[in-house]
Every structure is written in C-alpha cells, then in structure tokens.
Amino acid sequence: PLKYYPPLPPAAAKVTAGSEAALEAAWKLAERRKALASFLLRKRREAALPPPTRHWKTVARRAPEVPVEEDAAQEIVRVERHLLALASVLTGHLTPVEGAMAVGGAAVLRSGEVAGLGGLVGTPRDMTAAAAMELRAALREMLMIPDQ
C-alpha cells in the first residue's frame, strides 16, 4: 500500500450513559477542559499549515499563528461548550440528539475541533480504555445524527 492507515481505536457499540466508564470519561473531560480546549485548537491550527517540503529531520516547522487574545477566548468558550455537551451525553443528562442540538446541530459538531477527539484520546495517559471506548461511542452517536 502507498499509505499506512492505523486501525481505528476501539469504541463501544452504543454509549452506556451513566455507567462507571462513561462517568469517568465525563469527569476527565471536565477536569482537563481548559488544557484540552487549547490542545484541540492548536491541533486545528497545525492541520491548516501546509506540509513541509523537505524531510522532517531537516526542517523546523514554524509554530502556527496564535489568534488574537479576544478571538482565542471565544474559541475556547466554543470548544468548552462542545465538551460540555459531550460530557452531558456521557452522564445521561442529555441524549445524543439533545447533545448535538445543544451546540447547534450535528453539522456544527462535525466541523468543530471536538469531532476528532476520539482519535486523540490515549489510554492509559488520558483515561482508562473502557472510558475512552464510551467517549468514542458517545461522540460517534452525536456525529451520526442527520442534519435538520
């Protein structure tokens, strides 16, 4: 093959809202929300940069431009709102449909930074494997909602 694609991380078939693993995932999201929001925004900015034209060992990529302070604060609030909706689905306070609608619909969620969170969560660094599986399942259910 020309390009290697790693296997998809494991995800539960359906989210078990309110389960011990789902509550752990929600707790970890809430506990690290500020750092997580900044990390997701940085990953989005890095993805927008063109790839280096030389070998990775010989090139130093320029850091992505940091947005203006007031824009950055608004972006962090937006990402935190998406994380709150995901945590609410994990705890069972909202259904996946209600969670997606809380941020403006599945299309808004799909275009946001949190949509790729399932592939970025590491175990055991971030949370247990069971909690990560619940997080991925909840996120997948929220993203699969048809657009209105």
C-alpha atoms as a PDB file:
ATOM      1  CA  PRO A   1       0.000   0.000   0.000  1.00  0.00           C
ATOM      2  CA  LEU A   2       1.075   3.558  -0.661  1.00  0.00           C
ATOM      3  CA  LYS A   3      -0.001   4.957   2.666  1.00  0.00           C
ATOM      4  CA  TYR A   4      -0.414   3.303   6.049  1.00  0.00           C
ATOM      5  CA  TYR A   5      -3.636   3.894   7.933  1.00  0.00           C
ATOM      6  CA  PRO A   6      -3.605   2.695  11.560  1.00  0.00           C
ATOM      7  CA  PRO A   7      -6.598   0.708  12.748  1.00  0.00           C
ATOM      8  CA  LEU A   8      -9.443   2.622  14.319  1.00  0.00           C
ATOM      9  CA  PRO A   9      -9.352   2.823  18.118  1.00  0.00           C
ATOM     10  CA  PRO A  10     -11.894   0.594  19.851  1.00  0.00           C
ATOM     11  CA  ALA A  11     -15.285   2.090  20.623  1.00  0.00           C
ATOM     12  CA  ALA A  12     -18.296   0.688  22.411  1.00  0.00           C
ATOM     13  CA  ALA A  13     -21.173  -0.333  20.157  1.00  0.00           C
ATOM     14  CA  LYS A  14     -23.523   2.076  21.926  1.00  0.00           C
ATOM     15  CA  VAL A  15     -22.874   4.565  24.690  1.00  0.00           C
ATOM     16  CA  THR A  16     -23.915   3.420  28.149  1.00  0.00           C
ATOM     17  CA  ALA A  17     -24.751   6.812  29.632  1.00  0.00           C
ATOM     18  CA  GLY A  18     -24.207   6.983  33.366  1.00  0.00           C
ATOM     19  CA  SER A  19     -22.054   3.858  33.535  1.00  0.00           C
ATOM     20  CA  GLU A  20     -18.863   3.936  35.583  1.00  0.00           C
ATOM     21  CA  ALA A  21     -16.697   4.181  32.458  1.00  0.00           C
ATOM     22  CA  ALA A  22     -18.867   6.922  30.922  1.00  0.00           C
ATOM     23  CA  LEU A  23     -18.802   8.901  34.162  1.00  0.00           C
ATOM     24  CA  GLU A  24     -15.015   8.592  34.293  1.00  0.00           C
ATOM     25  CA  ALA A  25     -14.763   9.934  30.736  1.00  0.00           C
ATOM     26  CA  ALA A  26     -17.050  12.869  31.605  1.00  0.00           C
ATOM     27  CA  TRP A  27     -15.027  13.569  34.755  1.00  0.00           C
ATOM     28  CA  LYS A  28     -11.734  13.578  32.811  1.00  0.00           C
ATOM     29  CA  LEU A  29     -13.215  15.937  30.190  1.00  0.00           C
ATOM     30  CA  ALA A  30     -14.389  18.331  32.887  1.00  0.00           C
ATOM     31  CA  GLU A  31     -11.169  18.072  34.888  1.00  0.00           C
ATOM     32  CA  ARG A  32      -8.939  18.934  31.921  1.00  0.00           C
ATOM     33  CA  ARG A  33     -11.287  21.053  29.846  1.00  0.00           C
ATOM     34  CA  LYS A  34      -9.134  24.196  29.658  1.00  0.00           C
ATOM     35  CA  ALA A  35      -5.967  22.374  28.589  1.00  0.00           C
ATOM     36  CA  LEU A  36      -7.970  20.088  26.295  1.00  0.00           C
ATOM     37  CA  ALA A  37      -9.683  23.017  24.569  1.00  0.00           C
ATOM     38  CA  SER A  38      -6.327  24.726  23.973  1.00  0.00           C
ATOM     39  CA  PHE A  39      -4.830  21.467  22.693  1.00  0.00           C
ATOM     40  CA  LEU A  40      -7.698  20.869  20.246  1.00  0.00           C
ATOM     41  CA  LEU A  41      -7.460  24.433  18.935  1.00  0.00           C
ATOM     42  CA  ARG A  42      -3.700  24.070  18.459  1.00  0.00           C
ATOM     43  CA  LYS A  43      -4.184  20.789  16.569  1.00  0.00           C
ATOM     44  CA  ARG A  44      -6.714  22.509  14.293  1.00  0.00           C
ATOM     45  CA  ARG A  45      -4.266  25.349  13.555  1.00  0.00           C
ATOM     46  CA  GLU A  46      -1.436  22.871  12.869  1.00  0.00           C
ATOM     47  CA  ALA A  47      -3.624  20.891  10.475  1.00  0.00           C
ATOM     48  CA  ALA A  48      -4.189  24.066   8.453  1.00  0.00           C
ATOM     49  CA  LEU A  49      -0.452  24.530   7.832  1.00  0.00           C
ATOM     50  CA  PRO A  50       0.939  23.207   4.556  1.00  0.00           C
ATOM     51  CA  PRO A  51       3.086  20.090   4.928  1.00  0.00           C
ATOM     52  CA  PRO A  52       6.861  20.596   4.923  1.00  0.00           C
ATOM     53  CA  THR A  53       8.531  20.121   1.546  1.00  0.00           C
ATOM     54  CA  ARG A  54      11.741  18.693   2.978  1.00  0.00           C
ATOM     55  CA  HIS A  55      12.443  15.693   5.174  1.00  0.00           C
ATOM     56  CA  TRP A  56      11.056  16.056   8.697  1.00  0.00           C
ATOM     57  CA  LYS A  57      14.526  15.770  10.293  1.00  0.00           C
ATOM     58  CA  THR A  58      15.916  18.736   8.401  1.00  0.00           C
ATOM     59  CA  VAL A  59      13.034  21.159   8.631  1.00  0.00           C
ATOM     60  CA  ALA A  60      11.717  23.084  11.588  1.00  0.00           C
ATOM     61  CA  ARG A  61       8.055  23.883  11.152  1.00  0.00           C
ATOM     62  CA  ARG A  62       7.009  27.338  12.170  1.00  0.00           C
ATOM     63  CA  ALA A  63       4.550  27.386  15.010  1.00  0.00           C
ATOM     64  CA  PRO A  64       1.014  28.199  13.888  1.00  0.00           C
ATOM     65  CA  GLU A  65      -0.091  31.748  14.326  1.00  0.00           C
ATOM     66  CA  VAL A  66      -1.733  32.277  17.685  1.00  0.00           C
ATOM     67  CA  PRO A  67      -5.072  34.067  17.345  1.00  0.00           C
ATOM     68  CA  VAL A  68      -5.686  37.467  18.902  1.00  0.00           C
ATOM     69  CA  GLU A  69      -6.438  37.226  22.629  1.00  0.00           C
ATOM     70  CA  GLU A  70     -10.164  38.032  22.349  1.00  0.00           C
ATOM     71  CA  ASP A  71     -10.640  35.603  19.448  1.00  0.00           C
ATOM     72  CA  ALA A  72      -8.809  32.889  21.397  1.00  0.00           C
ATOM     73  CA  ALA A  73     -11.095  33.345  24.396  1.00  0.00           C
ATOM     74  CA  GLN A  74     -14.190  32.999  22.193  1.00  0.00           C
ATOM     75  CA  GLU A  75     -12.768  29.877  20.540  1.00  0.00           C
ATOM     76  CA  ILE A  76     -12.016  28.280  23.913  1.00  0.00           C
ATOM     77  CA  VAL A  77     -15.576  29.010  25.091  1.00  0.00           C
ATOM     78  CA  ARG A  78     -16.952  27.402  21.903  1.00  0.00           C
ATOM     79  CA  VAL A  79     -14.819  24.266  22.322  1.00  0.00           C
ATOM     80  CA  GLU A  80     -15.707  24.052  26.019  1.00  0.00           C
ATOM     81  CA  ARG A  81     -19.401  24.198  25.062  1.00  0.00           C
ATOM     82  CA  HIS A  82     -18.858  21.201  22.758  1.00  0.00           C
ATOM     83  CA  LEU A  83     -17.002  19.344  25.529  1.00  0.00           C
ATOM     84  CA  LEU A  84     -19.840  20.121  27.954  1.00  0.00           C
ATOM     85  CA  ALA A  85     -22.390  18.669  25.530  1.00  0.00           C
ATOM     86  CA  LEU A  86     -20.276  15.512  25.163  1.00  0.00           C
ATOM     87  CA  ALA A  87     -19.910  15.192  28.943  1.00  0.00           C
ATOM     88  CA  SER A  88     -23.665  15.680  29.360  1.00  0.00           C
ATOM     89  CA  VAL A  89     -24.324  12.808  26.951  1.00  0.00           C
ATOM     90  CA  LEU A  90     -21.845  10.616  28.827  1.00  0.00           C
ATOM     91  CA  THR A  91     -23.531  11.303  32.172  1.00  0.00           C
ATOM     92  CA  GLY A  92     -27.017  10.752  30.770  1.00  0.00           C
ATOM     93  CA  HIS A  93     -28.250  14.312  31.299  1.00  0.00           C
ATOM     94  CA  LEU A  94     -28.749  14.667  27.534  1.00  0.00           C
ATOM     95  CA  THR A  95     -29.431  12.172  24.768  1.00  0.00           C
ATOM     96  CA  PRO A  96     -27.010  12.217  21.817  1.00  0.00           C
ATOM     97  CA  VAL A  97     -29.602  14.124  19.764  1.00  0.00           C
ATOM     98  CA  GLU A  98     -30.046  16.727  22.512  1.00  0.00           C
ATOM     99  CA  GLY A  99     -26.265  16.953  22.941  1.00  0.00           C
ATOM    100  CA  ALA A 100     -25.723  17.657  19.254  1.00  0.00           C
ATOM    101  CA  MET A 101     -28.545  20.198  19.217  1.00  0.00           C
ATOM    102  CA  ALA A 102     -27.087  21.950  22.276  1.00  0.00           C
ATOM    103  CA  VAL A 103     -24.107  23.057  20.180  1.00  0.00           C
ATOM    104  CA  GLY A 104     -26.122  23.975  17.090  1.00  0.00           C
ATOM    105  CA  GLY A 105     -26.602  20.599  15.407  1.00  0.00           C
ATOM    106  CA  ALA A 106     -24.525  17.705  14.194  1.00  0.00           C
ATOM    107  CA  ALA A 107     -23.085  19.736  11.304  1.00  0.00           C
ATOM    108  CA  VAL A 108     -21.644  22.286  13.755  1.00  0.00           C
ATOM    109  CA  LEU A 109     -20.251  19.479  15.890  1.00  0.00           C
ATOM    110  CA  ARG A 110     -18.727  17.751  12.828  1.00  0.00           C
ATOM    111  CA  SER A 111     -16.970  20.948  11.764  1.00  0.00           C
ATOM    112  CA  GLY A 112     -15.617  21.637  15.260  1.00  0.00           C
ATOM    113  CA  GLU A 113     -12.455  20.532  16.982  1.00  0.00           C
ATOM    114  CA  VAL A 114     -14.160  18.033  19.303  1.00  0.00           C
ATOM    115  CA  ALA A 115     -15.209  15.842  16.344  1.00  0.00           C
ATOM    116  CA  GLY A 116     -11.689  14.377  16.147  1.00  0.00           C
ATOM    117  CA  LEU A 117     -11.286  13.840  19.870  1.00  0.00           C
ATOM    118  CA  GLY A 118     -11.961  10.099  19.686  1.00  0.00           C
ATOM    119  CA  GLY A 119      -8.782   9.520  17.709  1.00  0.00           C
ATOM    120  CA  LEU A 120      -6.677  11.666  20.015  1.00  0.00           C
ATOM    121  CA  VAL A 121      -7.621  10.130  23.373  1.00  0.00           C
ATOM    122  CA  GLY A 122      -4.827   7.921  24.659  1.00  0.00           C
ATOM    123  CA  THR A 123      -5.013   5.177  27.244  1.00  0.00           C
ATOM    124  CA  PRO A 124      -3.888   4.998  29.996  1.00  0.00           C
ATOM    125  CA  ARG A 125      -2.475   8.530  29.685  1.00  0.00           C
ATOM    126  CA  ASP A 126      -5.845  10.280  29.460  1.00  0.00           C
ATOM    127  CA  MET A 127      -8.326   7.737  30.841  1.00  0.00           C
ATOM    128  CA  THR A 128      -8.941   4.007  31.063  1.00  0.00           C
ATOM    129  CA  ALA A 129      -9.656   2.023  27.920  1.00  0.00           C
ATOM    130  CA  ALA A 130     -13.289   1.490  28.956  1.00  0.00           C
ATOM    131  CA  ALA A 131     -13.804   5.230  29.476  1.00  0.00           C
ATOM    132  CA  ALA A 132     -12.191   6.018  26.119  1.00  0.00           C
ATOM    133  CA  MET A 133     -14.490   3.494  24.421  1.00  0.00           C
ATOM    134  CA  GLU A 134     -17.526   5.189  25.969  1.00  0.00           C
ATOM    135  CA  LEU A 135     -16.272   8.619  24.924  1.00  0.00           C
ATOM    136  CA  ARG A 136     -15.802   7.431  21.324  1.00  0.00           C
ATOM    137  CA  ALA A 137     -19.253   5.813  21.283  1.00  0.00           C
ATOM    138  CA  ALA A 138     -20.951   8.956  22.619  1.00  0.00           C
ATOM    139  CA  LEU A 139     -19.101  11.147  20.149  1.00  0.00           C
ATOM    140  CA  ARG A 140     -19.929   8.809  17.257  1.00  0.00           C
ATOM    141  CA  GLU A 141     -23.631   8.808  18.195  1.00  0.00           C
ATOM    142  CA  MET A 142     -23.659  12.607  18.370  1.00  0.00           C
ATOM    143  CA  LEU A 143     -21.934  12.931  14.987  1.00  0.00           C
ATOM    144  CA  MET A 144     -24.232  10.406  13.257  1.00  0.00           C
ATOM    145  CA  ILE A 145     -27.365  12.476  13.856  1.00  0.00           C
ATOM    146  CA  PRO A 146     -28.826  13.554  10.490  1.00  0.00           C
ATOM    147  CA  ASP A 147     -28.837  17.268   9.764  1.00  0.00           C
ATOM    148  CA  GLN A 148     -32.193  19.000  10.119  1.00  0.00           C
END
